[in-house]
Amino acid sequence: MSDNSPTMPSPGGAPGLRDFQLRLLSGMRGNAPMVEDALRNLGAGQADMIAARERTEHIFLPAGRFENAAALLGTPVTSQTIQPTPADVTDDASLTKVTYELPLWPGLVFYLVGRPGLPVAHDFGFARSPQAPHTLPDKYTDLRAWAWLRSEVFERFGPPIEEGDIWPPYEEYKLQARDVDGYIRPFWAVFSWNLLQHVEWVSDQPS
């Protein structure tokens, strides 16, 4: 299995990209040391993260609009037209999916789906870069924060046996894996923006 551990390149990017990365960091859960490392990499602190959250609320608020993302982030890496599902919108007009590369998360892209005048908050999150190889975690101990997407964890350990708290961008699910002694045990996996944040064994007796 290839090592998907994230690295910390120089932050770079336009001011809007920096603010956007700070905004995403403010929604991470269960991995405070990694968030602090990322803040240092951006030359920022907790106060900067809070301020960036306020500056980017016009994207993620229920009244936010798809065009606000482009105004902040600039030209996307990719842009494609997709057909909506009934869960997306109430009409059959096409939607646009845009992706952006963020220096803090190499090998991943952040996507947003919508169209001008439509709230963007119904579909957004991290995805694997098209150039990245398709790999999956082999075992529970491979489940490192920021290394795996929700879809990849589900593909290897899913489907979930229970849903926990879900309030976008935060989600938690109970899945099952073998521990070091070979017992199948449940564990909680926490995600933000579709990206794994934290895993923890359930304190039940193994079966």
N, C-alpha and C. Protein backbone atom coordinates (compact mmCIF):
# COMPACT_ATOMS: atom_id res chain seq x y z
N MET A 1 0.85 -1.20 0.00
CA MET A 1 0.00 0.00 0.00
C MET A 1 0.88 1.24 0.00
N SER A 2 0.54 2.20 -0.82
CA SER A 2 1.31 3.43 -0.86
C SER A 2 0.99 4.28 0.35
N ASP A 3 1.92 5.13 0.75
CA ASP A 3 1.75 5.99 1.92
C ASP A 3 1.06 7.27 1.51
N ASN A 4 -0.16 7.48 2.04
CA ASN A 4 -0.91 8.68 1.70
C ASN A 4 -0.79 9.74 2.77
N SER A 5 0.23 9.68 3.61
CA SER A 5 0.38 10.69 4.65
C SER A 5 0.56 12.05 4.03
N PRO A 6 -0.21 13.07 4.49
CA PRO A 6 -0.09 14.40 3.89
C PRO A 6 1.24 15.04 4.26
N THR A 7 1.73 15.86 3.37
CA THR A 7 2.91 16.67 3.64
C THR A 7 2.49 18.11 3.73
N MET A 8 3.38 18.96 4.19
CA MET A 8 3.06 20.36 4.38
C MET A 8 3.96 21.22 3.48
N PRO A 9 3.53 21.49 2.25
CA PRO A 9 4.31 22.35 1.39
C PRO A 9 4.16 23.79 1.81
N SER A 10 4.90 24.67 1.13
CA SER A 10 4.73 26.09 1.42
C SER A 10 3.33 26.51 1.04
N PRO A 11 2.72 27.41 1.79
CA PRO A 11 1.30 27.72 1.60
C PRO A 11 1.00 28.28 0.23
N GLY A 12 1.77 29.27 -0.25
CA GLY A 12 1.57 29.82 -1.59
C GLY A 12 0.13 30.21 -1.85
N GLY A 13 -0.18 30.39 -3.12
CA GLY A 13 -1.55 30.65 -3.51
C GLY A 13 -1.98 32.09 -3.27
N ALA A 14 -3.12 32.40 -3.86
CA ALA A 14 -3.68 33.74 -3.74
C ALA A 14 -4.24 33.94 -2.34
N PRO A 15 -4.44 35.22 -1.93
CA PRO A 15 -5.02 35.46 -0.59
C PRO A 15 -6.33 34.74 -0.38
N GLY A 16 -7.15 34.64 -1.42
CA GLY A 16 -8.41 33.93 -1.28
C GLY A 16 -8.21 32.46 -0.95
N LEU A 17 -7.21 31.83 -1.54
CA LEU A 17 -6.92 30.43 -1.25
C LEU A 17 -6.47 30.26 0.21
N ARG A 18 -5.68 31.21 0.70
CA ARG A 18 -5.23 31.14 2.09
C ARG A 18 -6.43 31.23 3.03
N ASP A 19 -7.32 32.20 2.79
CA ASP A 19 -8.51 32.33 3.62
C ASP A 19 -9.37 31.07 3.55
N PHE A 20 -9.47 30.51 2.37
CA PHE A 20 -10.32 29.33 2.20
C PHE A 20 -9.74 28.14 2.97
N GLN A 21 -8.41 27.98 2.93
CA GLN A 21 -7.78 26.90 3.69
C GLN A 21 -7.98 27.10 5.20
N LEU A 22 -7.88 28.34 5.65
CA LEU A 22 -8.14 28.63 7.06
C LEU A 22 -9.59 28.30 7.42
N ARG A 23 -10.49 28.60 6.51
CA ARG A 23 -11.91 28.28 6.74
C ARG A 23 -12.11 26.77 6.88
N LEU A 24 -11.47 26.00 6.02
CA LEU A 24 -11.60 24.55 6.11
C LEU A 24 -11.00 24.03 7.40
N LEU A 25 -9.87 24.58 7.81
CA LEU A 25 -9.25 24.16 9.07
C LEU A 25 -10.17 24.40 10.26
N SER A 26 -10.96 25.45 10.19
CA SER A 26 -11.86 25.75 11.31
C SER A 26 -12.96 24.71 11.45
N GLY A 27 -13.18 23.91 10.42
CA GLY A 27 -14.19 22.86 10.47
C GLY A 27 -13.63 21.48 10.73
N MET A 28 -12.32 21.39 11.02
CA MET A 28 -11.71 20.09 11.32
C MET A 28 -11.99 19.72 12.77
N ARG A 29 -12.08 18.41 13.04
CA ARG A 29 -12.40 17.93 14.38
C ARG A 29 -11.50 16.76 14.76
N GLY A 30 -11.06 16.75 16.01
CA GLY A 30 -10.38 15.59 16.56
C GLY A 30 -8.91 15.47 16.23
N ASN A 31 -8.30 16.49 15.65
CA ASN A 31 -6.88 16.42 15.30
C ASN A 31 -6.21 17.78 15.50
N ALA A 32 -6.36 18.33 16.68
CA ALA A 32 -5.86 19.68 16.97
C ALA A 32 -4.37 19.85 16.65
N PRO A 33 -3.49 18.87 16.93
CA PRO A 33 -2.08 19.08 16.59
C PRO A 33 -1.84 19.30 15.10
N MET A 34 -2.56 18.57 14.24
CA MET A 34 -2.39 18.75 12.81
C MET A 34 -2.90 20.11 12.36
N VAL A 35 -4.00 20.54 12.95
CA VAL A 35 -4.52 21.88 12.63
C VAL A 35 -3.51 22.95 13.03
N GLU A 36 -2.91 22.80 14.20
CA GLU A 36 -1.91 23.78 14.64
C GLU A 36 -0.70 23.79 13.71
N ASP A 37 -0.25 22.61 13.26
CA ASP A 37 0.86 22.55 12.31
C ASP A 37 0.49 23.26 11.01
N ALA A 38 -0.74 23.05 10.55
CA ALA A 38 -1.18 23.68 9.31
C ALA A 38 -1.26 25.20 9.46
N LEU A 39 -1.72 25.65 10.62
CA LEU A 39 -1.77 27.09 10.86
C LEU A 39 -0.38 27.69 10.82
N ARG A 40 0.59 27.02 11.44
CA ARG A 40 1.97 27.52 11.39
C ARG A 40 2.48 27.55 9.96
N ASN A 41 2.12 26.54 9.18
CA ASN A 41 2.54 26.49 7.79
C ASN A 41 1.99 27.67 6.99
N LEU A 42 0.80 28.13 7.37
CA LEU A 42 0.18 29.28 6.72
C LEU A 42 0.60 30.60 7.35
N GLY A 43 1.43 30.53 8.38
CA GLY A 43 1.82 31.75 9.09
C GLY A 43 0.64 32.39 9.79
N ALA A 44 -0.24 31.56 10.34
CA ALA A 44 -1.48 32.06 10.93
C ALA A 44 -1.66 31.47 12.33
N GLY A 45 -2.62 32.02 13.06
CA GLY A 45 -2.98 31.54 14.38
C GLY A 45 -4.47 31.35 14.49
N GLN A 46 -4.93 31.03 15.69
CA GLN A 46 -6.34 30.80 15.91
C GLN A 46 -7.19 32.02 15.56
N ALA A 47 -6.69 33.21 15.89
CA ALA A 47 -7.45 34.43 15.59
C ALA A 47 -7.60 34.62 14.08
N ASP A 48 -6.55 34.29 13.32
CA ASP A 48 -6.63 34.40 11.86
C ASP A 48 -7.65 33.41 11.31
N MET A 49 -7.69 32.22 11.89
CA MET A 49 -8.64 31.22 11.43
C MET A 49 -10.07 31.68 11.67
N ILE A 50 -10.33 32.27 12.83
CA ILE A 50 -11.67 32.76 13.14
C ILE A 50 -12.04 33.90 12.19
N ALA A 51 -11.10 34.80 11.94
CA ALA A 51 -11.37 35.92 11.04
C ALA A 51 -11.64 35.43 9.62
N ALA A 52 -10.87 34.43 9.17
CA ALA A 52 -11.08 33.89 7.83
C ALA A 52 -12.44 33.21 7.72
N ARG A 53 -12.86 32.58 8.80
CA ARG A 53 -14.19 31.96 8.79
C ARG A 53 -15.27 33.01 8.54
N GLU A 54 -15.14 34.15 9.19
CA GLU A 54 -16.12 35.22 8.99
C GLU A 54 -16.06 35.77 7.56
N ARG A 55 -14.85 35.85 7.01
CA ARG A 55 -14.70 36.40 5.65
C ARG A 55 -15.23 35.46 4.58
N THR A 56 -15.35 34.19 4.89
CA THR A 56 -15.78 33.23 3.87
C THR A 56 -17.19 32.69 4.11
N GLU A 57 -17.89 33.22 5.08
CA GLU A 57 -19.24 32.73 5.36
C GLU A 57 -20.17 32.95 4.18
N HIS A 58 -19.87 33.90 3.31
CA HIS A 58 -20.75 34.16 2.17
C HIS A 58 -20.76 33.00 1.18
N ILE A 59 -19.86 32.03 1.36
CA ILE A 59 -19.88 30.83 0.53
C ILE A 59 -20.76 29.76 1.14
N PHE A 60 -20.62 29.52 2.44
CA PHE A 60 -21.23 28.35 3.07
C PHE A 60 -22.53 28.62 3.81
N LEU A 61 -22.89 29.87 4.04
CA LEU A 61 -24.18 30.15 4.65
C LEU A 61 -25.30 29.64 3.76
N PRO A 62 -26.47 29.30 4.33
CA PRO A 62 -27.58 28.85 3.49
C PRO A 62 -27.92 29.80 2.36
N ALA A 63 -27.68 31.10 2.58
CA ALA A 63 -27.96 32.08 1.54
C ALA A 63 -26.76 32.30 0.61
N GLY A 64 -25.66 31.58 0.85
CA GLY A 64 -24.48 31.74 0.02
C GLY A 64 -24.76 31.33 -1.42
N ARG A 65 -23.98 31.86 -2.33
CA ARG A 65 -24.19 31.59 -3.74
C ARG A 65 -22.94 30.99 -4.37
N PHE A 66 -23.17 30.17 -5.37
CA PHE A 66 -22.09 29.45 -6.05
C PHE A 66 -21.03 30.41 -6.58
N GLU A 67 -21.46 31.54 -7.13
CA GLU A 67 -20.50 32.48 -7.72
C GLU A 67 -19.58 33.11 -6.68
N ASN A 68 -19.98 33.08 -5.40
CA ASN A 68 -19.11 33.63 -4.36
C ASN A 68 -17.80 32.85 -4.24
N ALA A 69 -17.86 31.54 -4.51
CA ALA A 69 -16.65 30.72 -4.42
C ALA A 69 -15.63 31.16 -5.47
N ALA A 70 -16.08 31.34 -6.71
CA ALA A 70 -15.16 31.75 -7.77
C ALA A 70 -14.59 33.13 -7.50
N ALA A 71 -15.41 34.01 -6.93
CA ALA A 71 -14.93 35.36 -6.62
C ALA A 71 -13.80 35.30 -5.60
N LEU A 72 -13.85 34.34 -4.69
CA LEU A 72 -12.82 34.22 -3.67
C LEU A 72 -11.62 33.42 -4.17
N LEU A 73 -11.87 32.32 -4.85
CA LEU A 73 -10.83 31.36 -5.18
C LEU A 73 -10.21 31.54 -6.56
N GLY A 74 -10.87 32.30 -7.42
CA GLY A 74 -10.32 32.52 -8.75
C GLY A 74 -10.66 31.39 -9.72
N THR A 75 -9.87 31.26 -10.76
CA THR A 75 -10.12 30.28 -11.80
C THR A 75 -9.90 28.86 -11.28
N PRO A 76 -10.88 27.98 -11.45
CA PRO A 76 -10.72 26.62 -10.94
C PRO A 76 -9.74 25.80 -11.78
N VAL A 77 -9.25 24.71 -11.19
CA VAL A 77 -8.39 23.79 -11.94
C VAL A 77 -9.20 23.07 -13.01
N THR A 78 -10.41 22.65 -12.66
CA THR A 78 -11.31 22.03 -13.63
C THR A 78 -12.71 22.60 -13.45
N SER A 79 -13.47 22.55 -14.52
CA SER A 79 -14.87 22.98 -14.50
C SER A 79 -15.63 22.11 -15.48
N GLN A 80 -16.70 21.47 -15.01
CA GLN A 80 -17.46 20.61 -15.90
C GLN A 80 -18.95 20.74 -15.62
N THR A 81 -19.75 20.52 -16.65
CA THR A 81 -21.19 20.56 -16.53
C THR A 81 -21.69 19.17 -16.16
N ILE A 82 -22.57 19.11 -15.16
CA ILE A 82 -23.14 17.83 -14.75
C ILE A 82 -24.65 17.97 -14.67
N GLN A 83 -25.34 16.86 -14.78
CA GLN A 83 -26.78 16.86 -14.67
C GLN A 83 -27.19 16.63 -13.22
N PRO A 84 -28.11 17.43 -12.71
CA PRO A 84 -28.50 17.29 -11.30
C PRO A 84 -29.36 16.07 -11.06
N THR A 85 -29.38 15.62 -9.81
CA THR A 85 -30.32 14.60 -9.38
C THR A 85 -31.48 15.31 -8.68
N PRO A 86 -32.61 14.64 -8.47
CA PRO A 86 -33.73 15.29 -7.77
C PRO A 86 -33.35 15.81 -6.40
N ALA A 87 -32.33 15.21 -5.78
CA ALA A 87 -31.92 15.68 -4.45
C ALA A 87 -31.14 16.99 -4.52
N ASP A 88 -30.62 17.33 -5.70
CA ASP A 88 -29.79 18.52 -5.83
C ASP A 88 -30.63 19.79 -5.93
N VAL A 89 -31.51 19.83 -6.89
CA VAL A 89 -32.33 21.01 -7.15
C VAL A 89 -33.71 20.57 -7.60
N THR A 90 -34.63 21.50 -7.68
CA THR A 90 -36.01 21.16 -8.02
C THR A 90 -36.30 21.29 -9.51
N ASP A 91 -35.32 21.70 -10.31
CA ASP A 91 -35.53 21.76 -11.75
C ASP A 91 -34.46 20.93 -12.43
N ASP A 92 -34.49 20.86 -13.76
CA ASP A 92 -33.56 19.99 -14.48
C ASP A 92 -32.43 20.75 -15.14
N ALA A 93 -32.21 22.02 -14.76
CA ALA A 93 -31.11 22.80 -15.32
C ALA A 93 -29.78 22.20 -14.87
N SER A 94 -28.79 22.28 -15.74
CA SER A 94 -27.50 21.67 -15.43
C SER A 94 -26.77 22.44 -14.34
N LEU A 95 -25.84 21.76 -13.69
CA LEU A 95 -25.01 22.34 -12.65
C LEU A 95 -23.56 22.34 -13.11
N THR A 96 -22.75 23.12 -12.44
CA THR A 96 -21.32 23.16 -12.73
C THR A 96 -20.55 22.64 -11.52
N LYS A 97 -19.60 21.76 -11.78
CA LYS A 97 -18.71 21.26 -10.74
C LYS A 97 -17.32 21.83 -10.99
N VAL A 98 -16.80 22.55 -10.00
CA VAL A 98 -15.47 23.14 -10.11
C VAL A 98 -14.57 22.53 -9.04
N THR A 99 -13.28 22.45 -9.34
CA THR A 99 -12.32 21.91 -8.37
C THR A 99 -11.15 22.89 -8.22
N TYR A 100 -10.59 22.89 -7.02
CA TYR A 100 -9.44 23.74 -6.69
C TYR A 100 -8.39 22.90 -5.96
N GLU A 101 -7.13 23.15 -6.27
CA GLU A 101 -6.03 22.55 -5.54
C GLU A 101 -5.64 23.46 -4.38
N LEU A 102 -5.49 22.87 -3.21
CA LEU A 102 -5.15 23.62 -2.01
C LEU A 102 -3.80 23.14 -1.49
N PRO A 103 -2.83 24.05 -1.32
CA PRO A 103 -1.47 23.64 -0.96
C PRO A 103 -1.36 22.79 0.30
N LEU A 104 -2.26 22.96 1.27
CA LEU A 104 -2.17 22.18 2.50
C LEU A 104 -2.50 20.70 2.30
N TRP A 105 -3.21 20.37 1.22
CA TRP A 105 -3.66 19.00 1.01
C TRP A 105 -3.27 18.51 -0.38
N PRO A 106 -1.98 18.25 -0.60
CA PRO A 106 -1.54 17.75 -1.90
C PRO A 106 -2.15 16.39 -2.20
N GLY A 107 -2.41 16.13 -3.46
CA GLY A 107 -3.03 14.88 -3.86
C GLY A 107 -4.54 14.89 -3.78
N LEU A 108 -5.09 16.00 -3.25
CA LEU A 108 -6.53 16.15 -3.16
C LEU A 108 -6.96 17.42 -3.90
N VAL A 109 -8.22 17.48 -4.23
CA VAL A 109 -8.84 18.71 -4.72
C VAL A 109 -10.07 18.98 -3.88
N PHE A 110 -10.48 20.23 -3.84
CA PHE A 110 -11.73 20.58 -3.17
C PHE A 110 -12.73 20.95 -4.27
N TYR A 111 -13.90 20.31 -4.23
CA TYR A 111 -14.89 20.55 -5.28
C TYR A 111 -16.11 21.27 -4.71
N LEU A 112 -16.77 22.02 -5.57
CA LEU A 112 -18.03 22.66 -5.24
C LEU A 112 -18.95 22.49 -6.44
N VAL A 113 -20.22 22.23 -6.16
CA VAL A 113 -21.21 22.01 -7.21
C VAL A 113 -22.33 23.03 -7.06
N GLY A 114 -22.72 23.64 -8.17
CA GLY A 114 -23.82 24.60 -8.14
C GLY A 114 -23.96 25.30 -9.47
N ARG A 115 -24.61 26.43 -9.42
CA ARG A 115 -24.70 27.32 -10.58
C ARG A 115 -25.01 28.71 -10.06
N PRO A 116 -24.74 29.74 -10.86
CA PRO A 116 -24.99 31.11 -10.38
C PRO A 116 -26.41 31.28 -9.87
N GLY A 117 -26.50 31.89 -8.68
CA GLY A 117 -27.78 32.13 -8.05
C GLY A 117 -28.27 30.99 -7.19
N LEU A 118 -27.55 29.86 -7.19
CA LEU A 118 -27.97 28.69 -6.43
C LEU A 118 -27.06 28.51 -5.23
N PRO A 119 -27.61 28.21 -4.06
CA PRO A 119 -26.74 27.94 -2.91
C PRO A 119 -25.77 26.81 -3.20
N VAL A 120 -24.53 26.98 -2.78
CA VAL A 120 -23.50 25.99 -3.08
C VAL A 120 -23.42 24.93 -1.99
N ALA A 121 -24.00 25.20 -0.83
CA ALA A 121 -23.74 24.36 0.34
C ALA A 121 -24.32 22.96 0.25
N HIS A 122 -25.03 22.63 -0.82
CA HIS A 122 -25.60 21.29 -0.89
C HIS A 122 -24.62 20.24 -1.37
N ASP A 123 -23.47 20.63 -1.94
CA ASP A 123 -22.51 19.63 -2.42
C ASP A 123 -21.13 20.25 -2.50
N PHE A 124 -20.25 19.84 -1.60
CA PHE A 124 -18.88 20.35 -1.59
C PHE A 124 -18.02 19.42 -0.76
N GLY A 125 -16.74 19.45 -0.95
CA GLY A 125 -15.85 18.64 -0.12
C GLY A 125 -14.59 18.23 -0.87
N PHE A 126 -13.76 17.48 -0.18
CA PHE A 126 -12.52 16.98 -0.78
C PHE A 126 -12.79 15.77 -1.66
N ALA A 127 -11.96 15.64 -2.70
CA ALA A 127 -11.95 14.46 -3.56
C ALA A 127 -10.50 14.16 -3.91
N ARG A 128 -10.23 12.95 -4.31
CA ARG A 128 -8.88 12.59 -4.71
C ARG A 128 -8.57 13.25 -6.06
N SER A 129 -7.36 13.76 -6.20
CA SER A 129 -6.94 14.34 -7.46
C SER A 129 -7.01 13.30 -8.57
N PRO A 130 -7.44 13.69 -9.77
CA PRO A 130 -7.52 12.71 -10.87
C PRO A 130 -6.18 12.06 -11.18
N GLN A 131 -5.08 12.72 -10.86
CA GLN A 131 -3.76 12.17 -11.14
C GLN A 131 -3.28 11.19 -10.06
N ALA A 132 -3.97 11.16 -8.92
CA ALA A 132 -3.54 10.31 -7.82
C ALA A 132 -3.97 8.87 -8.05
N PRO A 133 -3.14 7.90 -7.68
CA PRO A 133 -3.52 6.49 -7.84
C PRO A 133 -4.65 6.13 -6.89
N HIS A 134 -5.45 5.15 -7.28
CA HIS A 134 -6.55 4.68 -6.43
C HIS A 134 -5.99 3.67 -5.43
N THR A 135 -5.91 4.05 -4.19
CA THR A 135 -5.44 3.15 -3.13
C THR A 135 -6.45 3.17 -2.00
N LEU A 136 -6.40 2.13 -1.17
CA LEU A 136 -7.30 2.02 -0.02
C LEU A 136 -6.48 1.65 1.21
N PRO A 137 -6.96 2.01 2.39
CA PRO A 137 -6.28 1.54 3.61
C PRO A 137 -6.41 0.03 3.73
N ASP A 138 -5.36 -0.60 4.25
CA ASP A 138 -5.40 -2.05 4.41
C ASP A 138 -6.05 -2.45 5.73
N LYS A 139 -5.78 -1.72 6.79
CA LYS A 139 -6.25 -2.10 8.11
C LYS A 139 -6.49 -0.84 8.95
N TYR A 140 -7.03 -1.06 10.13
CA TYR A 140 -7.41 0.06 11.00
C TYR A 140 -6.23 1.00 11.26
N THR A 141 -5.05 0.45 11.48
CA THR A 141 -3.90 1.29 11.81
C THR A 141 -3.45 2.16 10.64
N ASP A 142 -3.97 1.90 9.43
CA ASP A 142 -3.66 2.77 8.29
C ASP A 142 -4.52 4.03 8.26
N LEU A 143 -5.52 4.11 9.13
CA LEU A 143 -6.49 5.20 9.06
C LEU A 143 -5.93 6.46 9.73
N ARG A 144 -5.06 7.14 9.01
CA ARG A 144 -4.45 8.36 9.50
C ARG A 144 -5.28 9.57 9.08
N ALA A 145 -5.34 10.55 9.95
CA ALA A 145 -6.09 11.78 9.65
C ALA A 145 -5.54 12.45 8.40
N TRP A 146 -6.45 12.92 7.56
CA TRP A 146 -6.18 13.65 6.32
C TRP A 146 -5.59 12.77 5.22
N ALA A 147 -5.47 11.47 5.48
CA ALA A 147 -4.89 10.58 4.48
C ALA A 147 -5.95 9.92 3.60
N TRP A 148 -7.21 9.87 4.07
CA TRP A 148 -8.24 9.11 3.37
C TRP A 148 -9.55 9.88 3.28
N LEU A 149 -10.26 9.63 2.20
CA LEU A 149 -11.59 10.19 1.99
C LEU A 149 -12.65 9.27 2.59
N ARG A 150 -13.80 9.85 2.85
CA ARG A 150 -14.92 9.05 3.36
C ARG A 150 -15.24 7.89 2.42
N SER A 151 -15.27 8.15 1.12
CA SER A 151 -15.60 7.10 0.16
C SER A 151 -14.59 5.97 0.20
N GLU A 152 -13.31 6.28 0.43
CA GLU A 152 -12.28 5.25 0.49
C GLU A 152 -12.39 4.42 1.76
N VAL A 153 -12.71 5.07 2.88
CA VAL A 153 -12.90 4.34 4.13
C VAL A 153 -14.12 3.42 4.02
N PHE A 154 -15.20 3.93 3.43
CA PHE A 154 -16.40 3.12 3.25
C PHE A 154 -16.12 1.93 2.32
N GLU A 155 -15.36 2.17 1.27
CA GLU A 155 -15.07 1.09 0.32
C GLU A 155 -14.31 -0.04 1.00
N ARG A 156 -13.45 0.30 1.92
CA ARG A 156 -12.65 -0.72 2.59
C ARG A 156 -13.35 -1.32 3.81
N PHE A 157 -14.04 -0.50 4.61
CA PHE A 157 -14.59 -0.96 5.89
C PHE A 157 -16.11 -0.86 5.97
N GLY A 158 -16.74 -0.33 4.95
CA GLY A 158 -18.17 -0.09 5.01
C GLY A 158 -18.98 -1.30 4.56
N PRO A 159 -20.29 -1.10 4.47
CA PRO A 159 -20.99 0.15 4.80
C PRO A 159 -21.06 0.38 6.30
N PRO A 160 -21.35 1.62 6.71
CA PRO A 160 -21.45 1.91 8.14
C PRO A 160 -22.54 1.07 8.80
N ILE A 161 -22.30 0.72 10.05
CA ILE A 161 -23.33 0.00 10.81
C ILE A 161 -24.17 0.96 11.64
N GLU A 162 -23.74 2.20 11.74
CA GLU A 162 -24.50 3.20 12.49
C GLU A 162 -24.03 4.60 12.09
N GLU A 163 -24.96 5.53 12.05
CA GLU A 163 -24.62 6.94 11.86
C GLU A 163 -24.57 7.64 13.20
N GLY A 164 -23.59 8.53 13.37
CA GLY A 164 -23.52 9.36 14.55
C GLY A 164 -24.01 10.76 14.22
N ASP A 165 -23.33 11.76 14.77
CA ASP A 165 -23.69 13.14 14.48
C ASP A 165 -23.38 13.47 13.03
N ILE A 166 -24.30 14.13 12.36
CA ILE A 166 -24.09 14.60 11.00
C ILE A 166 -24.63 16.01 10.91
N TRP A 167 -23.70 16.96 10.81
CA TRP A 167 -24.08 18.36 10.57
C TRP A 167 -22.96 18.96 9.73
N PRO A 168 -23.21 19.01 8.40
CA PRO A 168 -22.15 19.41 7.47
C PRO A 168 -21.38 20.64 7.95
N PRO A 169 -20.03 20.56 7.82
CA PRO A 169 -19.27 19.55 7.08
C PRO A 169 -18.84 18.35 7.92
N TYR A 170 -19.39 18.22 9.14
CA TYR A 170 -18.93 17.19 10.08
C TYR A 170 -19.84 15.98 10.01
N GLU A 171 -19.23 14.78 9.96
CA GLU A 171 -19.99 13.53 9.93
C GLU A 171 -19.24 12.48 10.73
N GLU A 172 -19.97 11.60 11.39
CA GLU A 172 -19.32 10.47 12.06
C GLU A 172 -20.13 9.21 11.82
N TYR A 173 -19.40 8.10 11.64
CA TYR A 173 -20.02 6.82 11.33
C TYR A 173 -19.32 5.72 12.11
N LYS A 174 -20.10 4.71 12.49
CA LYS A 174 -19.54 3.52 13.12
C LYS A 174 -19.34 2.46 12.05
N LEU A 175 -18.11 1.93 11.98
CA LEU A 175 -17.77 0.86 11.05
C LEU A 175 -17.12 -0.28 11.83
N GLN A 176 -16.64 -1.29 11.12
CA GLN A 176 -16.01 -2.43 11.78
C GLN A 176 -14.68 -2.76 11.12
N ALA A 177 -13.72 -3.22 11.94
CA ALA A 177 -12.42 -3.64 11.44
C ALA A 177 -11.84 -4.67 12.40
N ARG A 178 -10.84 -5.40 11.94
CA ARG A 178 -10.14 -6.35 12.81
C ARG A 178 -9.06 -5.61 13.60
N ASP A 179 -8.98 -5.92 14.89
CA ASP A 179 -7.92 -5.33 15.70
C ASP A 179 -6.65 -6.17 15.58
N VAL A 180 -5.61 -5.83 16.32
CA VAL A 180 -4.33 -6.50 16.19
C VAL A 180 -4.41 -7.96 16.64
N ASP A 181 -5.44 -8.31 17.41
CA ASP A 181 -5.61 -9.69 17.87
C ASP A 181 -6.53 -10.49 16.95
N GLY A 182 -7.00 -9.86 15.88
CA GLY A 182 -7.84 -10.56 14.92
C GLY A 182 -9.32 -10.51 15.20
N TYR A 183 -9.74 -9.81 16.25
CA TYR A 183 -11.16 -9.67 16.56
C TYR A 183 -11.79 -8.56 15.72
N ILE A 184 -13.03 -8.79 15.31
CA ILE A 184 -13.78 -7.74 14.61
C ILE A 184 -14.39 -6.82 15.65
N ARG A 185 -14.06 -5.54 15.56
CA ARG A 185 -14.53 -4.56 16.54
C ARG A 185 -15.08 -3.34 15.83
N PRO A 186 -16.07 -2.68 16.43
CA PRO A 186 -16.58 -1.43 15.86
C PRO A 186 -15.67 -0.26 16.21
N PHE A 187 -15.65 0.71 15.33
CA PHE A 187 -14.92 1.94 15.60
C PHE A 187 -15.67 3.12 15.00
N TRP A 188 -15.43 4.28 15.57
CA TRP A 188 -16.02 5.51 15.04
C TRP A 188 -15.00 6.20 14.13
N ALA A 189 -15.48 6.63 12.99
CA ALA A 189 -14.67 7.41 12.05
C ALA A 189 -15.32 8.78 11.88
N VAL A 190 -14.54 9.83 12.06
CA VAL A 190 -15.03 11.20 12.00
C VAL A 190 -14.48 11.86 10.74
N PHE A 191 -15.34 12.54 10.01
CA PHE A 191 -14.95 13.21 8.77
C PHE A 191 -15.37 14.67 8.82
N SER A 192 -14.58 15.52 8.18
CA SER A 192 -14.98 16.90 7.87
C SER A 192 -14.64 17.17 6.41
N TRP A 193 -15.59 17.75 5.70
CA TRP A 193 -15.38 18.05 4.27
C TRP A 193 -15.04 16.78 3.49
N ASN A 194 -15.59 15.63 3.89
CA ASN A 194 -15.34 14.32 3.28
C ASN A 194 -13.98 13.73 3.62
N LEU A 195 -13.18 14.40 4.43
CA LEU A 195 -11.82 13.98 4.73
C LEU A 195 -11.74 13.40 6.14
N LEU A 196 -11.07 12.25 6.28
CA LEU A 196 -10.96 11.60 7.57
C LEU A 196 -10.24 12.50 8.57
N GLN A 197 -10.81 12.61 9.77
CA GLN A 197 -10.23 13.44 10.82
C GLN A 197 -9.73 12.64 12.01
N HIS A 198 -10.46 11.56 12.35
CA HIS A 198 -10.16 10.88 13.62
C HIS A 198 -10.85 9.53 13.61
N VAL A 199 -10.19 8.52 14.18
CA VAL A 199 -10.82 7.22 14.39
C VAL A 199 -10.59 6.79 15.83
N GLU A 200 -11.52 6.02 16.37
CA GLU A 200 -11.41 5.57 17.76
C GLU A 200 -12.22 4.29 17.93
N TRP A 201 -11.58 3.28 18.54
CA TRP A 201 -12.30 2.05 18.83
C TRP A 201 -13.46 2.32 19.78
N VAL A 202 -14.57 1.63 19.55
CA VAL A 202 -15.67 1.63 20.51
C VAL A 202 -15.26 0.77 21.68
N SER A 203 -15.61 1.15 22.88
CA SER A 203 -15.15 0.45 24.08
C SER A 203 -15.97 -0.79 24.39
N ASP A 204 -16.57 -1.40 23.35
CA ASP A 204 -17.27 -2.67 23.55
C ASP A 204 -16.26 -3.81 23.61
N GLN A 205 -16.70 -4.95 24.13
CA GLN A 205 -15.86 -6.13 24.12
C GLN A 205 -15.76 -6.67 22.70
N PRO A 206 -14.58 -7.11 22.24
CA PRO A 206 -14.46 -7.69 20.90
C PRO A 206 -15.27 -8.97 20.77
N SER A 207 -15.67 -9.26 19.53
CA SER A 207 -16.47 -10.47 19.27
C SER A 207 -15.66 -11.50 18.49
